[in-house]
Amino acid sequence: MHLEILTPEKKIFTGDVYGVQLPGVTGLFEVLDRAAPLVSALKEGRVRVLKDKQYNTLAVVTIHGGFVEVLDNRTTVLAEGADVIEE
């Protein structure tokens, strides 16, 4: 799955990953490789980027709310603001 994390100012992350854990407005959820299409609102919280099936963390990003779109094995996170915690 290809993942992009974007803010109005810059691109925070782009690359091929196994999955991503996201802070939805009703709770934490995970999008994995070949997930069904969806659009969801996100609240402030941590985004964990998963590089493989063993859930080794590739990056942790704190977002300040936004939206996520999953379509054709591409996931795009549009965040109001974001800070990279670790890569």
PDB file of N, CA and C in Angstrom:
ATOM      1  N   MET A   1       0.851  -1.169   0.000  1.00  0.00           N
ATOM      2  CA  MET A   1       0.000   0.000   0.000  1.00  0.00           C
ATOM      3  C   MET A   1       0.899   1.235   0.000  1.00  0.00           C
ATOM      4  N   HIS A   2       0.513   2.234  -0.760  1.00  0.00           N
ATOM      5  CA  HIS A   2       1.261   3.485  -0.785  1.00  0.00           C
ATOM      6  C   HIS A   2       0.596   4.461   0.183  1.00  0.00           C
ATOM      7  N   LEU A   3       1.398   5.089   1.050  1.00  0.00           N
ATOM      8  CA  LEU A   3       0.889   6.014   2.060  1.00  0.00           C
ATOM      9  C   LEU A   3       1.482   7.391   1.855  1.00  0.00           C
ATOM     10  N   GLU A   4       0.627   8.412   1.961  1.00  0.00           N
ATOM     11  CA  GLU A   4       1.073   9.804   1.981  1.00  0.00           C
ATOM     12  C   GLU A   4       0.424  10.488   3.166  1.00  0.00           C
ATOM     13  N   ILE A   5       1.227  11.243   3.925  1.00  0.00           N
ATOM     14  CA  ILE A   5       0.719  12.076   5.018  1.00  0.00           C
ATOM     15  C   ILE A   5       1.062  13.511   4.643  1.00  0.00           C
ATOM     16  N   LEU A   6       0.018  14.323   4.453  1.00  0.00           N
ATOM     17  CA  LEU A   6       0.179  15.689   3.955  1.00  0.00           C
ATOM     18  C   LEU A   6      -0.432  16.700   4.908  1.00  0.00           C
ATOM     19  N   THR A   7       0.189  17.885   4.997  1.00  0.00           N
ATOM     20  CA  THR A   7      -0.401  19.035   5.683  1.00  0.00           C
ATOM     21  C   THR A   7      -0.515  20.149   4.653  1.00  0.00           C
ATOM     22  N   PRO A   8      -1.190  21.249   4.974  1.00  0.00           N
ATOM     23  CA  PRO A   8      -1.251  22.354   4.015  1.00  0.00           C
ATOM     24  C   PRO A   8       0.133  22.925   3.676  1.00  0.00           C
ATOM     25  N   GLU A   9       1.099  22.769   4.582  1.00  0.00           N
ATOM     26  CA  GLU A   9       2.425  23.341   4.370  1.00  0.00           C
ATOM     27  C   GLU A   9       3.404  22.411   3.664  1.00  0.00           C
ATOM     28  N   LYS A  10       3.330  21.078   3.950  1.00  0.00           N
ATOM     29  CA  LYS A  10       4.354  20.182   3.415  1.00  0.00           C
ATOM     30  C   LYS A  10       3.917  18.726   3.434  1.00  0.00           C
ATOM     31  N   LYS A  11       4.716  17.899   2.762  1.00  0.00           N
ATOM     32  CA  LYS A  11       4.522  16.457   2.763  1.00  0.00           C
ATOM     33  C   LYS A  11       5.330  15.896   3.937  1.00  0.00           C
ATOM     34  N   ILE A  12       4.664  15.187   4.868  1.00  0.00           N
ATOM     35  CA  ILE A  12       5.316  14.649   6.059  1.00  0.00           C
ATOM     36  C   ILE A  12       5.916  13.278   5.781  1.00  0.00           C
ATOM     37  N   PHE A  13       5.178  12.435   5.043  1.00  0.00           N
ATOM     38  CA  PHE A  13       5.644  11.071   4.777  1.00  0.00           C
ATOM     39  C   PHE A  13       5.093  10.607   3.443  1.00  0.00           C
ATOM     40  N   THR A  14       5.892   9.842   2.715  1.00  0.00           N
ATOM     41  CA  THR A  14       5.424   9.160   1.515  1.00  0.00           C
ATOM     42  C   THR A  14       6.241   7.880   1.353  1.00  0.00           C
ATOM     43  N   GLY A  15       5.553   6.788   1.012  1.00  0.00           N
ATOM     44  CA  GLY A  15       6.258   5.532   0.812  1.00  0.00           C
ATOM     45  C   GLY A  15       5.329   4.339   0.821  1.00  0.00           C
ATOM     46  N   ASP A  16       5.874   3.171   0.486  1.00  0.00           N
ATOM     47  CA  ASP A  16       5.118   1.924   0.492  1.00  0.00           C
ATOM     48  C   ASP A  16       5.217   1.283   1.872  1.00  0.00           C
ATOM     49  N   VAL A  17       4.071   0.906   2.438  1.00  0.00           N
ATOM     50  CA  VAL A  17       4.002   0.354   3.796  1.00  0.00           C
ATOM     51  C   VAL A  17       3.034  -0.820   3.828  1.00  0.00           C
ATOM     52  N   TYR A  18       3.046  -1.568   4.936  1.00  0.00           N
ATOM     53  CA  TYR A  18       2.111  -2.673   5.139  1.00  0.00           C
ATOM     54  C   TYR A  18       0.772  -2.165   5.667  1.00  0.00           C
ATOM     55  N   GLY A  19       0.816  -1.159   6.527  1.00  0.00           N
ATOM     56  CA  GLY A  19      -0.410  -0.637   7.107  1.00  0.00           C
ATOM     57  C   GLY A  19      -0.156   0.638   7.880  1.00  0.00           C
ATOM     58  N   VAL A  20      -1.251   1.212   8.396  1.00  0.00           N
ATOM     59  CA  VAL A  20      -1.161   2.438   9.188  1.00  0.00           C
ATOM     60  C   VAL A  20      -2.270   2.421  10.232  1.00  0.00           C
ATOM     61  N   GLN A  21      -1.936   2.841  11.465  1.00  0.00           N
ATOM     62  CA  GLN A  21      -2.915   2.961  12.547  1.00  0.00           C
ATOM     63  C   GLN A  21      -3.259   4.432  12.696  1.00  0.00           C
ATOM     64  N   LEU A  22      -4.561   4.730  12.745  1.00  0.00           N
ATOM     65  CA  LEU A  22      -5.034   6.117  12.700  1.00  0.00           C
ATOM     66  C   LEU A  22      -5.996   6.430  13.846  1.00  0.00           C
ATOM     67  N   PRO A  23      -5.989   7.690  14.345  1.00  0.00           N
ATOM     68  CA  PRO A  23      -6.910   8.102  15.409  1.00  0.00           C
ATOM     69  C   PRO A  23      -8.222   8.636  14.842  1.00  0.00           C
ATOM     70  N   GLY A  24      -9.185   7.757  14.599  1.00  0.00           N
ATOM     71  CA  GLY A  24     -10.490   8.189  14.093  1.00  0.00           C
ATOM     72  C   GLY A  24     -11.268   8.927  15.162  1.00  0.00           C
ATOM     73  N   VAL A  25     -12.291   9.668  14.762  1.00  0.00           N
ATOM     74  CA  VAL A  25     -13.074  10.440  15.721  1.00  0.00           C
ATOM     75  C   VAL A  25     -13.847   9.542  16.695  1.00  0.00           C
ATOM     76  N   THR A  26     -14.120   8.289  16.309  1.00  0.00           N
ATOM     77  CA  THR A  26     -14.814   7.368  17.208  1.00  0.00           C
ATOM     78  C   THR A  26     -13.888   6.312  17.787  1.00  0.00           C
ATOM     79  N   GLY A  27     -12.586   6.425  17.515  1.00  0.00           N
ATOM     80  CA  GLY A  27     -11.626   5.480  18.069  1.00  0.00           C
ATOM     81  C   GLY A  27     -10.519   5.135  17.091  1.00  0.00           C
ATOM     82  N   LEU A  28      -9.512   4.471  17.609  1.00  0.00           N
ATOM     83  CA  LEU A  28      -8.362   4.055  16.826  1.00  0.00           C
ATOM     84  C   LEU A  28      -8.767   2.974  15.823  1.00  0.00           C
ATOM     85  N   PHE A  29      -8.264   3.064  14.592  1.00  0.00           N
ATOM     86  CA  PHE A  29      -8.499   2.012  13.608  1.00  0.00           C
ATOM     87  C   PHE A  29      -7.255   1.822  12.764  1.00  0.00           C
ATOM     88  N   GLU A  30      -7.219   0.721  12.021  1.00  0.00           N
ATOM     89  CA  GLU A  30      -6.045   0.354  11.244  1.00  0.00           C
ATOM     90  C   GLU A  30      -6.445   0.103   9.797  1.00  0.00           C
ATOM     91  N   VAL A  31      -5.617   0.562   8.875  1.00  0.00           N
ATOM     92  CA  VAL A  31      -5.805   0.305   7.452  1.00  0.00           C
ATOM     93  C   VAL A  31      -4.628  -0.551   7.009  1.00  0.00           C
ATOM     94  N   LEU A  32      -4.928  -1.723   6.446  1.00  0.00           N
ATOM     95  CA  LEU A  32      -3.892  -2.641   5.995  1.00  0.00           C
ATOM     96  C   LEU A  32      -3.839  -2.689   4.470  1.00  0.00           C
ATOM     97  N   ASP A  33      -2.807  -3.327   3.955  1.00  0.00           N
ATOM     98  CA  ASP A  33      -2.619  -3.498   2.524  1.00  0.00           C
ATOM     99  C   ASP A  33      -3.887  -4.061   1.884  1.00  0.00           C
ATOM    100  N   ARG A  34      -4.310  -3.514   0.760  1.00  0.00           N
ATOM    101  CA  ARG A  34      -5.489  -3.932  -0.007  1.00  0.00           C
ATOM    102  C   ARG A  34      -6.811  -3.746   0.755  1.00  0.00           C
ATOM    103  N   ALA A  35      -6.903  -2.702   1.557  1.00  0.00           N
ATOM    104  CA  ALA A  35      -8.123  -2.408   2.309  1.00  0.00           C
ATOM    105  C   ALA A  35      -9.220  -1.895   1.373  1.00  0.00           C
ATOM    106  N   ALA A  36     -10.459  -2.053   1.812  1.00  0.00           N
ATOM    107  CA  ALA A  36     -11.605  -1.543   1.065  1.00  0.00           C
ATOM    108  C   ALA A  36     -11.579  -0.008   1.071  1.00  0.00           C
ATOM    109  N   PRO A  37     -12.153   0.622   0.053  1.00  0.00           N
ATOM    110  CA  PRO A  37     -12.179   2.089   0.011  1.00  0.00           C
ATOM    111  C   PRO A  37     -12.929   2.674   1.206  1.00  0.00           C
ATOM    112  N   LEU A  38     -12.432   3.796   1.709  1.00  0.00           N
ATOM    113  CA  LEU A  38     -13.111   4.494   2.799  1.00  0.00           C
ATOM    114  C   LEU A  38     -12.626   5.926   2.886  1.00  0.00           C
ATOM    115  N   VAL A  39     -13.440   6.760   3.532  1.00  0.00           N
ATOM    116  CA  VAL A  39     -13.088   8.131   3.883  1.00  0.00           C
ATOM    117  C   VAL A  39     -13.514   8.299   5.327  1.00  0.00           C
ATOM    118  N   SER A  40     -12.625   8.882   6.162  1.00  0.00           N
ATOM    119  CA  SER A  40     -12.940   9.033   7.576  1.00  0.00           C
ATOM    120  C   SER A  40     -12.319  10.311   8.120  1.00  0.00           C
ATOM    121  N   ALA A  41     -13.009  10.901   9.093  1.00  0.00           N
ATOM    122  CA  ALA A  41     -12.457  12.054   9.815  1.00  0.00           C
ATOM    123  C   ALA A  41     -11.492  11.544  10.881  1.00  0.00           C
ATOM    124  N   LEU A  42     -10.475  12.337  11.157  1.00  0.00           N
ATOM    125  CA  LEU A  42      -9.467  11.977  12.159  1.00  0.00           C
ATOM    126  C   LEU A  42      -9.417  13.049  13.239  1.00  0.00           C
ATOM    127  N   LYS A  43      -9.153  12.611  14.476  1.00  0.00           N
ATOM    128  CA  LYS A  43      -8.976  13.561  15.567  1.00  0.00           C
ATOM    129  C   LYS A  43      -7.483  13.688  15.863  1.00  0.00           C
ATOM    130  N   GLU A  44      -7.142  14.560  16.774  1.00  0.00           N
ATOM    131  CA  GLU A  44      -5.747  14.725  17.170  1.00  0.00           C
ATOM    132  C   GLU A  44      -5.233  13.441  17.808  1.00  0.00           C
ATOM    133  N   GLY A  45      -4.040  13.035  17.427  1.00  0.00           N
ATOM    134  CA  GLY A  45      -3.471  11.812  17.979  1.00  0.00           C
ATOM    135  C   GLY A  45      -2.280  11.329  17.185  1.00  0.00           C
ATOM    136  N   ARG A  46      -1.848  10.101  17.499  1.00  0.00           N
ATOM    137  CA  ARG A  46      -0.667   9.522  16.858  1.00  0.00           C
ATOM    138  C   ARG A  46      -1.042   8.624  15.685  1.00  0.00           C
ATOM    139  N   VAL A  47      -0.283   8.748  14.616  1.00  0.00           N
ATOM    140  CA  VAL A  47      -0.383   7.875  13.449  1.00  0.00           C
ATOM    141  C   VAL A  47       0.851   6.977  13.479  1.00  0.00           C
ATOM    142  N   ARG A  48       0.635   5.662  13.494  1.00  0.00           N
ATOM    143  CA  ARG A  48       1.749   4.706  13.467  1.00  0.00           C
ATOM    144  C   ARG A  48       1.814   4.074  12.089  1.00  0.00           C
ATOM    145  N   VAL A  49       2.950   4.202  11.444  1.00  0.00           N
ATOM    146  CA  VAL A  49       3.174   3.642  10.119  1.00  0.00           C
ATOM    147  C   VAL A  49       3.837   2.280  10.301  1.00  0.00           C
ATOM    148  N   LEU A  50       3.229   1.223   9.728  1.00  0.00           N
ATOM    149  CA  LEU A  50       3.719  -0.144   9.888  1.00  0.00           C
ATOM    150  C   LEU A  50       4.432  -0.590   8.628  1.00  0.00           C
ATOM    151  N   LYS A  51       5.706  -0.976   8.779  1.00  0.00           N
ATOM    152  CA  LYS A  51       6.468  -1.315   7.572  1.00  0.00           C
ATOM    153  C   LYS A  51       6.322  -2.763   7.143  1.00  0.00           C
ATOM    154  N   ASP A  52       5.897  -3.666   8.040  1.00  0.00           N
ATOM    155  CA  ASP A  52       5.746  -5.077   7.668  1.00  0.00           C
ATOM    156  C   ASP A  52       4.723  -5.771   8.552  1.00  0.00           C
ATOM    157  N   LYS A  53       4.476  -7.053   8.304  1.00  0.00           N
ATOM    158  CA  LYS A  53       3.447  -7.814   9.025  1.00  0.00           C
ATOM    159  C   LYS A  53       3.772  -8.026  10.494  1.00  0.00           C
ATOM    160  N   GLN A  54       5.034  -7.865  10.901  1.00  0.00           N
ATOM    161  CA  GLN A  54       5.399  -8.008  12.309  1.00  0.00           C
ATOM    162  C   GLN A  54       5.131  -6.718  13.083  1.00  0.00           C
ATOM    163  N   TYR A  55       4.521  -5.719  12.427  1.00  0.00           N
ATOM    164  CA  TYR A  55       4.147  -4.438  13.028  1.00  0.00           C
ATOM    165  C   TYR A  55       5.333  -3.674  13.586  1.00  0.00           C
ATOM    166  N   ASN A  56       6.476  -3.784  12.906  1.00  0.00           N
ATOM    167  CA  ASN A  56       7.604  -2.933  13.260  1.00  0.00           C
ATOM    168  C   ASN A  56       7.253  -1.510  12.834  1.00  0.00           C
ATOM    169  N   THR A  57       7.382  -0.583  13.743  1.00  0.00           N
ATOM    170  CA  THR A  57       7.008   0.796  13.454  1.00  0.00           C
ATOM    171  C   THR A  57       8.057   1.460  12.580  1.00  0.00           C
ATOM    172  N   LEU A  58       7.621   2.036  11.491  1.00  0.00           N
ATOM    173  CA  LEU A  58       8.513   2.764  10.590  1.00  0.00           C
ATOM    174  C   LEU A  58       8.590   4.223  11.015  1.00  0.00           C
ATOM    175  N   ALA A  59       7.462   4.794  11.396  1.00  0.00           N
ATOM    176  CA  ALA A  59       7.420   6.198  11.814  1.00  0.00           C
ATOM    177  C   ALA A  59       6.215   6.422  12.712  1.00  0.00           C
ATOM    178  N   VAL A  60       6.336   7.382  13.589  1.00  0.00           N
ATOM    179  CA  VAL A  60       5.211   7.824  14.415  1.00  0.00           C
ATOM    180  C   VAL A  60       5.059   9.320  14.183  1.00  0.00           C
ATOM    181  N   VAL A  61       3.842   9.732  13.824  1.00  0.00           N
ATOM    182  CA  VAL A  61       3.554  11.127  13.519  1.00  0.00           C
ATOM    183  C   VAL A  61       2.370  11.551  14.372  1.00  0.00           C
ATOM    184  N   THR A  62       2.457  12.715  15.007  1.00  0.00           N
ATOM    185  CA  THR A  62       1.310  13.284  15.723  1.00  0.00           C
ATOM    186  C   THR A  62       0.598  14.231  14.776  1.00  0.00           C
ATOM    187  N   ILE A  63      -0.715  14.013  14.610  1.00  0.00           N
ATOM    188  CA  ILE A  63      -1.499  14.901  13.743  1.00  0.00           C
ATOM    189  C   ILE A  63      -2.452  15.722  14.594  1.00  0.00           C
ATOM    190  N   HIS A  64      -2.909  16.840  14.046  1.00  0.00           N
ATOM    191  CA  HIS A  64      -3.808  17.751  14.749  1.00  0.00           C
ATOM    192  C   HIS A  64      -5.202  17.709  14.131  1.00  0.00           C
ATOM    193  N   GLY A  65      -5.653  16.498  13.766  1.00  0.00           N
ATOM    194  CA  GLY A  65      -6.954  16.329  13.127  1.00  0.00           C
ATOM    195  C   GLY A  65      -6.826  16.332  11.622  1.00  0.00           C
ATOM    196  N   GLY A  66      -7.900  15.902  10.950  1.00  0.00           N
ATOM    197  CA  GLY A  66      -7.900  15.887   9.496  1.00  0.00           C
ATOM    198  C   GLY A  66      -8.783  14.796   8.935  1.00  0.00           C
ATOM    199  N   PHE A  67      -8.400  14.263   7.769  1.00  0.00           N
ATOM    200  CA  PHE A  67      -9.175  13.230   7.085  1.00  0.00           C
ATOM    201  C   PHE A  67      -8.239  12.207   6.470  1.00  0.00           C
ATOM    202  N   VAL A  68      -8.771  10.999   6.224  1.00  0.00           N
ATOM    203  CA  VAL A  68      -8.030   9.959   5.518  1.00  0.00           C
ATOM    204  C   VAL A  68      -8.904   9.434   4.386  1.00  0.00           C
ATOM    205  N   GLU A  69      -8.271   9.147   3.243  1.00  0.00           N
ATOM    206  CA  GLU A  69      -8.943   8.526   2.119  1.00  0.00           C
ATOM    207  C   GLU A  69      -8.155   7.275   1.728  1.00  0.00           C
ATOM    208  N   VAL A  70      -8.871   6.153   1.563  1.00  0.00           N
ATOM    209  CA  VAL A  70      -8.268   4.900   1.111  1.00  0.00           C
ATOM    210  C   VAL A  70      -8.949   4.538  -0.207  1.00  0.00           C
ATOM    211  N   LEU A  71      -8.140   4.379  -1.277  1.00  0.00           N
ATOM    212  CA  LEU A  71      -8.687   4.081  -2.591  1.00  0.00           C
ATOM    213  C   LEU A  71      -7.592   3.461  -3.457  1.00  0.00           C
ATOM    214  N   ASP A  72      -7.877   2.333  -4.075  1.00  0.00           N
ATOM    215  CA  ASP A  72      -6.948   1.661  -4.991  1.00  0.00           C
ATOM    216  C   ASP A  72      -5.577   1.395  -4.370  1.00  0.00           C
ATOM    217  N   ASN A  73      -5.573   0.871  -3.155  1.00  0.00           N
ATOM    218  CA  ASN A  73      -4.356   0.511  -2.407  1.00  0.00           C
ATOM    219  C   ASN A  73      -3.447   1.719  -2.166  1.00  0.00           C
ATOM    220  N   ARG A  74      -4.055   2.897  -2.107  1.00  0.00           N
ATOM    221  CA  ARG A  74      -3.356   4.144  -1.752  1.00  0.00           C
ATOM    222  C   ARG A  74      -4.093   4.768  -0.580  1.00  0.00           C
ATOM    223  N   THR A  75      -3.345   5.180   0.424  1.00  0.00           N
ATOM    224  CA  THR A  75      -3.929   5.834   1.591  1.00  0.00           C
ATOM    225  C   THR A  75      -3.343   7.237   1.684  1.00  0.00           C
ATOM    226  N   THR A  76      -4.231   8.230   1.752  1.00  0.00           N
ATOM    227  CA  THR A  76      -3.804   9.618   1.853  1.00  0.00           C
ATOM    228  C   THR A  76      -4.377  10.224   3.127  1.00  0.00           C
ATOM    229  N   VAL A  77      -3.489  10.697   4.002  1.00  0.00           N
ATOM    230  CA  VAL A  77      -3.886  11.375   5.230  1.00  0.00           C
ATOM    231  C   VAL A  77      -3.703  12.872   4.999  1.00  0.00           C
ATOM    232  N   LEU A  78      -4.798  13.624   5.098  1.00  0.00           N
ATOM    233  CA  LEU A  78      -4.762  15.078   4.976  1.00  0.00           C
ATOM    234  C   LEU A  78      -4.927  15.647   6.377  1.00  0.00           C
ATOM    235  N   ALA A  79      -3.817  16.087   6.976  1.00  0.00           N
ATOM    236  CA  ALA A  79      -3.816  16.545   8.357  1.00  0.00           C
ATOM    237  C   ALA A  79      -3.798  18.071   8.425  1.00  0.00           C
ATOM    238  N   GLU A  80      -4.469  18.616   9.453  1.00  0.00           N
ATOM    239  CA  GLU A  80      -4.452  20.056   9.665  1.00  0.00           C
ATOM    240  C   GLU A  80      -3.060  20.528  10.062  1.00  0.00           C
ATOM    241  N   GLY A  81      -2.315  19.688  10.718  1.00  0.00           N
ATOM    242  CA  GLY A  81      -0.939  19.947  11.132  1.00  0.00           C
ATOM    243  C   GLY A  81      -0.353  18.633  11.605  1.00  0.00           C
ATOM    244  N   ALA A  82       0.972  18.516  11.605  1.00  0.00           N
ATOM    245  CA  ALA A  82       1.598  17.256  12.009  1.00  0.00           C
ATOM    246  C   ALA A  82       3.030  17.497  12.468  1.00  0.00           C
ATOM    247  N   ASP A  83       3.480  16.622  13.391  1.00  0.00           N
ATOM    248  CA  ASP A  83       4.841  16.627  13.895  1.00  0.00           C
ATOM    249  C   ASP A  83       5.364  15.204  13.866  1.00  0.00           C
ATOM    250  N   VAL A  84       6.557  14.993  13.309  1.00  0.00           N
ATOM    251  CA  VAL A  84       7.165  13.664  13.288  1.00  0.00           C
ATOM    252  C   VAL A  84       7.800  13.422  14.647  1.00  0.00           C
ATOM    253  N   ILE A  85       7.430  12.297  15.298  1.00  0.00           N
ATOM    254  CA  ILE A  85       8.001  11.942  16.585  1.00  0.00           C
ATOM    255  C   ILE A  85       9.246  11.106  16.392  1.00  0.00           C
ATOM    256  N   GLU A  86       9.150  10.061  15.543  1.00  0.00           N
ATOM    257  CA  GLU A  86      10.309   9.214  15.257  1.00  0.00           C
ATOM    258  C   GLU A  86      10.186   8.588  13.891  1.00  0.00           C
ATOM    259  N   GLU A  87      11.340   8.311  13.284  1.00  0.00           N
ATOM    260  CA  GLU A  87      11.363   7.610  11.994  1.00  0.00           C
ATOM    261  C   GLU A  87      12.318   6.464  12.061  1.00  0.00           C
TER     262      GLU A  87
END
